[in-house]
Amino acid sequence: MNPYSSYPDAPFHVVICGSMSALPQMEDVAGHLRTAGYRVSTPVPEETVVNWNELPLEEAIAHKRMFLTDYFETIRHGDAVLIFNASKQGIEGYVGANTLMEAACGQALGKPVLYFNPIGDQSCRLEAAAVATAVLDGSIDRLLEELNSLKLVAV
């Protein structure tokens, strides 16, 4: 029985969030999790082809709202949120605005929020840490251990 899920007999569902520039690495982590028997959601690749700066503001807002709303629903139906905070803009463990919103969404919905890497030295570091359940130091093994412990709580 899984207390985090609306579907108690379904496989434990991990929702991966992070900067779209790290989507290939997120898919790699997702592959490890799927091999271990987890259900995994990753961001839709369609967002990577949108040139936000070329869209009129109202159109950009509408598109961004659609992507956010859809992924917030994915988080709602997930069991845990994995923040894949890769290096970006010269910051190790970068957490961008979208990713911070997704982490906060997961925390507000009572989902465990796991950061794959230590949270980077940036303006939202305190807020990112405040919603973290665990920081995994970039280790797939540690991620699997943490997820297994969450599944054990479910029994």
N, C-alpha and C. Protein backbone atom coordinates (compact mmCIF):
# COMPACT_ATOMS: atom_id res chain seq x y z
N MET A 1 0.86 -1.19 0.00
CA MET A 1 0.00 0.00 0.00
C MET A 1 0.90 1.24 0.00
N ASN A 2 0.55 2.20 -0.80
CA ASN A 2 1.36 3.40 -0.98
C ASN A 2 0.58 4.63 -0.49
N PRO A 3 0.95 5.22 0.67
CA PRO A 3 0.17 6.34 1.22
C PRO A 3 0.33 7.63 0.42
N TYR A 4 1.35 7.70 -0.45
CA TYR A 4 1.56 8.91 -1.23
C TYR A 4 0.72 8.93 -2.50
N SER A 5 0.14 7.81 -2.86
CA SER A 5 -0.51 7.67 -4.15
C SER A 5 -2.02 7.60 -4.04
N SER A 6 -2.69 8.10 -5.07
CA SER A 6 -4.13 7.95 -5.19
C SER A 6 -4.47 6.52 -5.59
N TYR A 7 -3.47 5.79 -6.09
CA TYR A 7 -3.65 4.44 -6.58
C TYR A 7 -2.72 3.51 -5.78
N PRO A 8 -3.19 2.97 -4.64
CA PRO A 8 -2.32 2.25 -3.71
C PRO A 8 -1.56 1.07 -4.31
N ASP A 9 -2.08 0.41 -5.34
CA ASP A 9 -1.41 -0.76 -5.90
C ASP A 9 -0.52 -0.41 -7.09
N ALA A 10 -0.48 0.84 -7.48
CA ALA A 10 0.34 1.26 -8.62
C ALA A 10 1.81 1.34 -8.20
N PRO A 11 2.73 1.20 -9.17
CA PRO A 11 4.16 1.38 -8.84
C PRO A 11 4.41 2.78 -8.29
N PHE A 12 5.37 2.89 -7.41
CA PHE A 12 5.76 4.17 -6.83
C PHE A 12 6.15 5.11 -7.97
N HIS A 13 5.56 6.30 -7.99
CA HIS A 13 5.69 7.24 -9.12
C HIS A 13 6.59 8.41 -8.73
N VAL A 14 7.73 8.54 -9.42
CA VAL A 14 8.68 9.62 -9.18
C VAL A 14 8.54 10.64 -10.31
N VAL A 15 8.35 11.90 -9.94
CA VAL A 15 8.25 12.99 -10.91
C VAL A 15 9.57 13.77 -10.87
N ILE A 16 10.27 13.79 -12.00
CA ILE A 16 11.56 14.48 -12.07
C ILE A 16 11.35 15.89 -12.62
N CYS A 17 11.95 16.86 -11.93
CA CYS A 17 11.87 18.26 -12.33
C CYS A 17 13.28 18.82 -12.44
N GLY A 18 13.46 19.81 -13.30
CA GLY A 18 14.77 20.45 -13.43
C GLY A 18 14.80 21.34 -14.65
N SER A 19 15.91 21.99 -14.84
CA SER A 19 16.08 22.86 -16.00
C SER A 19 16.03 22.04 -17.28
N MET A 20 15.35 22.57 -18.27
CA MET A 20 15.19 21.85 -19.52
C MET A 20 16.52 21.55 -20.20
N SER A 21 17.54 22.35 -19.93
CA SER A 21 18.86 22.09 -20.51
C SER A 21 19.45 20.78 -19.99
N ALA A 22 18.93 20.27 -18.89
CA ALA A 22 19.42 19.01 -18.30
C ALA A 22 18.50 17.84 -18.62
N LEU A 23 17.61 18.00 -19.58
CA LEU A 23 16.65 16.94 -19.90
C LEU A 23 17.33 15.62 -20.26
N PRO A 24 18.41 15.60 -21.04
CA PRO A 24 19.06 14.31 -21.32
C PRO A 24 19.56 13.61 -20.04
N GLN A 25 20.10 14.37 -19.09
CA GLN A 25 20.54 13.77 -17.83
C GLN A 25 19.35 13.29 -17.00
N MET A 26 18.24 14.05 -17.03
CA MET A 26 17.03 13.62 -16.32
C MET A 26 16.53 12.30 -16.89
N GLU A 27 16.57 12.16 -18.21
CA GLU A 27 16.13 10.92 -18.84
C GLU A 27 17.03 9.76 -18.47
N ASP A 28 18.32 10.03 -18.30
CA ASP A 28 19.26 8.99 -17.87
C ASP A 28 18.90 8.50 -16.46
N VAL A 29 18.65 9.42 -15.55
CA VAL A 29 18.25 9.05 -14.18
C VAL A 29 16.92 8.30 -14.23
N ALA A 30 15.99 8.78 -15.07
CA ALA A 30 14.69 8.12 -15.21
C ALA A 30 14.87 6.67 -15.65
N GLY A 31 15.82 6.43 -16.54
CA GLY A 31 16.09 5.06 -16.99
C GLY A 31 16.53 4.16 -15.85
N HIS A 32 17.40 4.68 -14.98
CA HIS A 32 17.83 3.90 -13.80
C HIS A 32 16.63 3.58 -12.91
N LEU A 33 15.76 4.57 -12.73
CA LEU A 33 14.59 4.35 -11.86
C LEU A 33 13.62 3.36 -12.48
N ARG A 34 13.39 3.47 -13.78
CA ARG A 34 12.49 2.52 -14.44
C ARG A 34 13.03 1.10 -14.34
N THR A 35 14.33 0.94 -14.53
CA THR A 35 14.96 -0.38 -14.40
C THR A 35 14.74 -0.95 -12.99
N ALA A 36 14.72 -0.06 -12.00
CA ALA A 36 14.51 -0.49 -10.61
C ALA A 36 13.02 -0.69 -10.28
N GLY A 37 12.14 -0.49 -11.27
CA GLY A 37 10.71 -0.77 -11.05
C GLY A 37 9.84 0.43 -10.72
N TYR A 38 10.38 1.63 -10.82
CA TYR A 38 9.60 2.82 -10.53
C TYR A 38 8.89 3.33 -11.77
N ARG A 39 7.76 3.94 -11.57
CA ARG A 39 7.09 4.70 -12.63
C ARG A 39 7.71 6.10 -12.58
N VAL A 40 8.06 6.69 -13.73
CA VAL A 40 8.78 7.96 -13.74
C VAL A 40 8.16 8.89 -14.78
N SER A 41 8.02 10.16 -14.40
CA SER A 41 7.62 11.22 -15.32
C SER A 41 8.76 12.23 -15.42
N THR A 42 9.01 12.69 -16.63
CA THR A 42 10.01 13.74 -16.88
C THR A 42 9.32 14.86 -17.65
N PRO A 43 9.92 16.06 -17.64
CA PRO A 43 9.33 17.18 -18.38
C PRO A 43 9.17 16.84 -19.87
N VAL A 44 8.18 17.46 -20.49
CA VAL A 44 7.93 17.23 -21.91
C VAL A 44 8.99 17.95 -22.74
N PRO A 45 9.55 17.27 -23.71
CA PRO A 45 10.61 17.90 -24.52
C PRO A 45 10.11 19.07 -25.38
N GLU A 46 8.81 19.15 -25.60
CA GLU A 46 8.27 20.24 -26.42
C GLU A 46 8.64 21.61 -25.86
N GLU A 47 8.80 21.70 -24.55
CA GLU A 47 9.13 23.00 -23.95
C GLU A 47 10.53 23.46 -24.36
N THR A 48 11.41 22.53 -24.72
CA THR A 48 12.78 22.92 -25.08
C THR A 48 12.85 23.64 -26.42
N VAL A 49 11.84 23.49 -27.27
CA VAL A 49 11.89 24.12 -28.59
C VAL A 49 11.19 25.48 -28.63
N VAL A 50 10.55 25.87 -27.54
CA VAL A 50 9.88 27.17 -27.50
C VAL A 50 10.93 28.27 -27.33
N ASN A 51 10.91 29.24 -28.20
CA ASN A 51 11.79 30.40 -28.05
C ASN A 51 10.98 31.49 -27.34
N TRP A 52 11.08 31.51 -26.03
CA TRP A 52 10.25 32.39 -25.21
C TRP A 52 10.46 33.86 -25.54
N ASN A 53 11.66 34.24 -25.91
CA ASN A 53 11.96 35.65 -26.20
C ASN A 53 11.33 36.15 -27.50
N GLU A 54 10.98 35.24 -28.40
CA GLU A 54 10.38 35.64 -29.67
C GLU A 54 8.87 35.70 -29.61
N LEU A 55 8.27 35.16 -28.57
CA LEU A 55 6.81 35.17 -28.45
C LEU A 55 6.33 36.49 -27.86
N PRO A 56 5.19 36.97 -28.33
CA PRO A 56 4.58 38.11 -27.63
C PRO A 56 4.31 37.71 -26.17
N LEU A 57 4.40 38.67 -25.27
CA LEU A 57 4.29 38.36 -23.83
C LEU A 57 3.04 37.57 -23.49
N GLU A 58 1.89 37.97 -24.00
CA GLU A 58 0.64 37.26 -23.66
C GLU A 58 0.68 35.81 -24.12
N GLU A 59 1.25 35.56 -25.30
CA GLU A 59 1.36 34.20 -25.81
C GLU A 59 2.35 33.39 -24.99
N ALA A 60 3.47 34.00 -24.61
CA ALA A 60 4.46 33.32 -23.78
C ALA A 60 3.85 32.94 -22.43
N ILE A 61 3.09 33.85 -21.84
CA ILE A 61 2.44 33.57 -20.55
C ILE A 61 1.46 32.41 -20.68
N ALA A 62 0.68 32.40 -21.75
CA ALA A 62 -0.29 31.32 -21.96
C ALA A 62 0.41 29.97 -22.11
N HIS A 63 1.49 29.94 -22.90
CA HIS A 63 2.24 28.70 -23.08
C HIS A 63 2.87 28.24 -21.76
N LYS A 64 3.49 29.17 -21.06
CA LYS A 64 4.15 28.82 -19.79
C LYS A 64 3.12 28.31 -18.79
N ARG A 65 1.96 28.98 -18.72
CA ARG A 65 0.90 28.55 -17.80
C ARG A 65 0.47 27.12 -18.13
N MET A 66 0.34 26.80 -19.42
CA MET A 66 -0.07 25.46 -19.82
C MET A 66 0.97 24.41 -19.37
N PHE A 67 2.26 24.68 -19.64
CA PHE A 67 3.30 23.73 -19.23
C PHE A 67 3.32 23.56 -17.71
N LEU A 68 3.24 24.67 -16.97
CA LEU A 68 3.26 24.60 -15.50
C LEU A 68 2.05 23.85 -14.95
N THR A 69 0.87 24.20 -15.44
CA THR A 69 -0.36 23.57 -14.96
C THR A 69 -0.33 22.07 -15.22
N ASP A 70 0.10 21.68 -16.42
CA ASP A 70 0.17 20.25 -16.74
C ASP A 70 1.15 19.52 -15.82
N TYR A 71 2.31 20.13 -15.55
CA TYR A 71 3.28 19.44 -14.71
C TYR A 71 2.90 19.47 -13.24
N PHE A 72 2.21 20.51 -12.80
CA PHE A 72 1.69 20.52 -11.43
C PHE A 72 0.70 19.36 -11.25
N GLU A 73 -0.09 19.07 -12.26
CA GLU A 73 -1.02 17.93 -12.19
C GLU A 73 -0.24 16.61 -12.13
N THR A 74 0.84 16.52 -12.89
CA THR A 74 1.68 15.33 -12.83
C THR A 74 2.23 15.16 -11.42
N ILE A 75 2.69 16.25 -10.81
CA ILE A 75 3.20 16.21 -9.44
C ILE A 75 2.10 15.78 -8.47
N ARG A 76 0.90 16.29 -8.66
CA ARG A 76 -0.23 15.93 -7.80
C ARG A 76 -0.45 14.41 -7.79
N HIS A 77 -0.27 13.78 -8.94
CA HIS A 77 -0.52 12.34 -9.05
C HIS A 77 0.72 11.49 -8.78
N GLY A 78 1.85 12.14 -8.55
CA GLY A 78 3.08 11.41 -8.23
C GLY A 78 3.18 11.09 -6.75
N ASP A 79 4.21 10.33 -6.42
CA ASP A 79 4.46 9.94 -5.04
C ASP A 79 5.63 10.69 -4.43
N ALA A 80 6.58 11.09 -5.27
CA ALA A 80 7.76 11.83 -4.81
C ALA A 80 8.22 12.74 -5.94
N VAL A 81 8.86 13.84 -5.57
CA VAL A 81 9.40 14.79 -6.54
C VAL A 81 10.93 14.74 -6.44
N LEU A 82 11.58 14.47 -7.56
CA LEU A 82 13.03 14.49 -7.63
C LEU A 82 13.46 15.74 -8.38
N ILE A 83 14.16 16.63 -7.69
CA ILE A 83 14.69 17.83 -8.32
C ILE A 83 16.08 17.49 -8.86
N PHE A 84 16.20 17.48 -10.18
CA PHE A 84 17.49 17.22 -10.80
C PHE A 84 18.15 18.58 -11.02
N ASN A 85 18.92 19.01 -10.04
CA ASN A 85 19.53 20.34 -10.04
C ASN A 85 20.98 20.25 -10.50
N ALA A 86 21.13 20.24 -11.82
CA ALA A 86 22.45 20.17 -12.45
C ALA A 86 23.11 21.55 -12.43
N SER A 87 24.34 21.61 -12.90
CA SER A 87 25.05 22.89 -13.02
C SER A 87 24.46 23.69 -14.17
N LYS A 88 24.31 24.99 -13.94
CA LYS A 88 23.81 25.89 -14.98
C LYS A 88 24.21 27.31 -14.60
N GLN A 89 24.50 28.11 -15.59
CA GLN A 89 24.86 29.52 -15.38
C GLN A 89 26.02 29.65 -14.39
N GLY A 90 26.94 28.69 -14.42
CA GLY A 90 28.10 28.73 -13.53
C GLY A 90 27.80 28.38 -12.08
N ILE A 91 26.61 27.86 -11.81
CA ILE A 91 26.20 27.52 -10.45
C ILE A 91 26.02 26.01 -10.35
N GLU A 92 26.81 25.38 -9.48
CA GLU A 92 26.62 23.95 -9.19
C GLU A 92 25.30 23.80 -8.44
N GLY A 93 24.50 22.79 -8.79
CA GLY A 93 23.24 22.55 -8.07
C GLY A 93 22.20 23.63 -8.30
N TYR A 94 22.19 24.18 -9.50
CA TYR A 94 21.29 25.29 -9.86
C TYR A 94 19.82 24.89 -9.72
N VAL A 95 19.03 25.79 -9.15
CA VAL A 95 17.58 25.64 -9.06
C VAL A 95 16.96 26.90 -9.66
N GLY A 96 16.29 26.73 -10.80
CA GLY A 96 15.66 27.87 -11.46
C GLY A 96 14.26 28.14 -10.92
N ALA A 97 13.66 29.19 -11.43
CA ALA A 97 12.33 29.61 -10.96
C ALA A 97 11.28 28.53 -11.15
N ASN A 98 11.21 27.93 -12.34
CA ASN A 98 10.22 26.87 -12.58
C ASN A 98 10.45 25.69 -11.64
N THR A 99 11.70 25.29 -11.50
CA THR A 99 12.02 24.14 -10.66
C THR A 99 11.68 24.41 -9.20
N LEU A 100 11.95 25.62 -8.74
CA LEU A 100 11.59 25.97 -7.37
C LEU A 100 10.07 25.93 -7.18
N MET A 101 9.33 26.40 -8.19
CA MET A 101 7.86 26.32 -8.09
C MET A 101 7.39 24.87 -8.05
N GLU A 102 8.02 24.01 -8.84
CA GLU A 102 7.64 22.60 -8.84
C GLU A 102 7.98 21.93 -7.50
N ALA A 103 9.14 22.28 -6.93
CA ALA A 103 9.50 21.75 -5.61
C ALA A 103 8.50 22.21 -4.56
N ALA A 104 8.13 23.47 -4.60
CA ALA A 104 7.16 24.01 -3.64
C ALA A 104 5.79 23.37 -3.82
N CYS A 105 5.41 23.12 -5.06
CA CYS A 105 4.14 22.44 -5.34
C CYS A 105 4.15 21.06 -4.70
N GLY A 106 5.22 20.31 -4.91
CA GLY A 106 5.32 18.99 -4.31
C GLY A 106 5.24 19.04 -2.80
N GLN A 107 5.98 19.96 -2.20
CA GLN A 107 5.98 20.09 -0.74
C GLN A 107 4.59 20.47 -0.23
N ALA A 108 3.92 21.39 -0.92
CA ALA A 108 2.58 21.82 -0.51
C ALA A 108 1.57 20.68 -0.61
N LEU A 109 1.81 19.77 -1.54
CA LEU A 109 0.92 18.62 -1.70
C LEU A 109 1.31 17.44 -0.80
N GLY A 110 2.32 17.63 0.04
CA GLY A 110 2.74 16.59 0.98
C GLY A 110 3.61 15.51 0.36
N LYS A 111 4.21 15.80 -0.79
CA LYS A 111 5.10 14.82 -1.44
C LYS A 111 6.53 15.00 -0.93
N PRO A 112 7.27 13.93 -0.78
CA PRO A 112 8.69 14.08 -0.47
C PRO A 112 9.40 14.77 -1.64
N VAL A 113 10.27 15.74 -1.34
CA VAL A 113 11.01 16.48 -2.37
C VAL A 113 12.49 16.17 -2.17
N LEU A 114 13.08 15.50 -3.14
CA LEU A 114 14.47 15.07 -3.08
C LEU A 114 15.29 15.87 -4.08
N TYR A 115 16.39 16.44 -3.63
CA TYR A 115 17.33 17.14 -4.52
C TYR A 115 18.44 16.18 -4.87
N PHE A 116 18.69 16.00 -6.17
CA PHE A 116 19.72 15.05 -6.60
C PHE A 116 21.12 15.52 -6.20
N ASN A 117 21.39 16.80 -6.35
CA ASN A 117 22.70 17.38 -6.01
C ASN A 117 22.55 18.39 -4.88
N PRO A 118 23.63 18.72 -4.19
CA PRO A 118 23.55 19.79 -3.19
C PRO A 118 23.01 21.07 -3.84
N ILE A 119 22.22 21.79 -3.09
CA ILE A 119 21.59 23.02 -3.59
C ILE A 119 22.66 24.09 -3.75
N GLY A 120 22.67 24.71 -4.92
CA GLY A 120 23.70 25.69 -5.25
C GLY A 120 23.59 26.99 -4.48
N ASP A 121 24.70 27.71 -4.48
CA ASP A 121 24.78 29.02 -3.82
C ASP A 121 24.14 30.05 -4.74
N GLN A 122 22.88 30.35 -4.48
CA GLN A 122 22.10 31.26 -5.31
C GLN A 122 21.03 31.93 -4.46
N SER A 123 20.34 32.89 -5.04
CA SER A 123 19.41 33.71 -4.25
C SER A 123 18.26 32.92 -3.63
N CYS A 124 17.87 31.79 -4.23
CA CYS A 124 16.73 31.02 -3.69
C CYS A 124 17.18 29.80 -2.88
N ARG A 125 18.44 29.78 -2.46
CA ARG A 125 18.97 28.60 -1.76
C ARG A 125 18.17 28.28 -0.49
N LEU A 126 17.84 29.28 0.30
CA LEU A 126 17.08 29.06 1.53
C LEU A 126 15.71 28.46 1.22
N GLU A 127 15.02 29.02 0.24
CA GLU A 127 13.68 28.52 -0.11
C GLU A 127 13.75 27.10 -0.65
N ALA A 128 14.76 26.83 -1.48
CA ALA A 128 14.91 25.48 -2.02
C ALA A 128 15.17 24.48 -0.89
N ALA A 129 16.02 24.84 0.04
CA ALA A 129 16.33 23.95 1.16
C ALA A 129 15.12 23.77 2.08
N ALA A 130 14.30 24.81 2.20
CA ALA A 130 13.15 24.75 3.11
C ALA A 130 12.11 23.71 2.67
N VAL A 131 12.05 23.40 1.38
CA VAL A 131 11.07 22.42 0.91
C VAL A 131 11.69 21.05 0.67
N ALA A 132 12.98 20.89 0.97
CA ALA A 132 13.68 19.63 0.70
C ALA A 132 13.41 18.60 1.79
N THR A 133 13.14 17.39 1.36
CA THR A 133 13.06 16.25 2.27
C THR A 133 14.45 15.64 2.44
N ALA A 134 15.21 15.61 1.34
CA ALA A 134 16.57 15.05 1.37
C ALA A 134 17.38 15.63 0.22
N VAL A 135 18.70 15.65 0.42
CA VAL A 135 19.66 16.03 -0.62
C VAL A 135 20.56 14.82 -0.82
N LEU A 136 20.68 14.36 -2.07
CA LEU A 136 21.26 13.05 -2.35
C LEU A 136 22.71 13.07 -2.81
N ASP A 137 23.33 14.21 -2.88
CA ASP A 137 24.75 14.33 -3.22
C ASP A 137 25.12 13.69 -4.56
N GLY A 138 24.18 13.70 -5.53
CA GLY A 138 24.48 13.23 -6.88
C GLY A 138 24.62 11.74 -7.04
N SER A 139 24.08 10.97 -6.12
CA SER A 139 24.27 9.52 -6.12
C SER A 139 22.99 8.78 -6.49
N ILE A 140 23.06 7.98 -7.58
CA ILE A 140 21.93 7.13 -7.95
C ILE A 140 21.66 6.11 -6.83
N ASP A 141 22.71 5.55 -6.26
CA ASP A 141 22.52 4.58 -5.17
C ASP A 141 21.80 5.21 -3.99
N ARG A 142 22.18 6.42 -3.64
CA ARG A 142 21.52 7.11 -2.52
C ARG A 142 20.06 7.42 -2.87
N LEU A 143 19.81 7.80 -4.13
CA LEU A 143 18.44 8.03 -4.59
C LEU A 143 17.61 6.77 -4.41
N LEU A 144 18.12 5.64 -4.86
CA LEU A 144 17.37 4.39 -4.74
C LEU A 144 17.14 4.01 -3.27
N GLU A 145 18.14 4.23 -2.42
CA GLU A 145 17.97 3.96 -0.98
C GLU A 145 16.86 4.84 -0.40
N GLU A 146 16.88 6.12 -0.75
CA GLU A 146 15.87 7.05 -0.22
C GLU A 146 14.47 6.67 -0.70
N LEU A 147 14.35 6.34 -1.98
CA LEU A 147 13.05 5.94 -2.51
C LEU A 147 12.57 4.65 -1.87
N ASN A 148 13.48 3.71 -1.66
CA ASN A 148 13.10 2.46 -0.97
C ASN A 148 12.62 2.72 0.43
N SER A 149 13.26 3.66 1.13
CA SER A 149 12.81 3.97 2.49
C SER A 149 11.43 4.63 2.45
N LEU A 150 11.17 5.43 1.45
CA LEU A 150 9.83 6.03 1.31
C LEU A 150 8.78 4.95 1.04
N LYS A 151 9.14 3.97 0.22
CA LYS A 151 8.22 2.87 -0.07
C LYS A 151 7.96 2.06 1.20
N LEU A 152 8.98 1.87 2.04
CA LEU A 152 8.81 1.11 3.27
C LEU A 152 7.85 1.81 4.23
N VAL A 153 7.89 3.13 4.25
CA VAL A 153 6.96 3.90 5.08
C VAL A 153 5.54 3.61 4.64
N ALA A 154 5.38 3.30 3.35
CA ALA A 154 4.06 3.07 2.78
C ALA A 154 3.44 1.76 3.26
N VAL A 155 4.25 0.83 3.76
CA VAL A 155 3.72 -0.49 4.13
C VAL A 155 3.02 -0.43 5.47
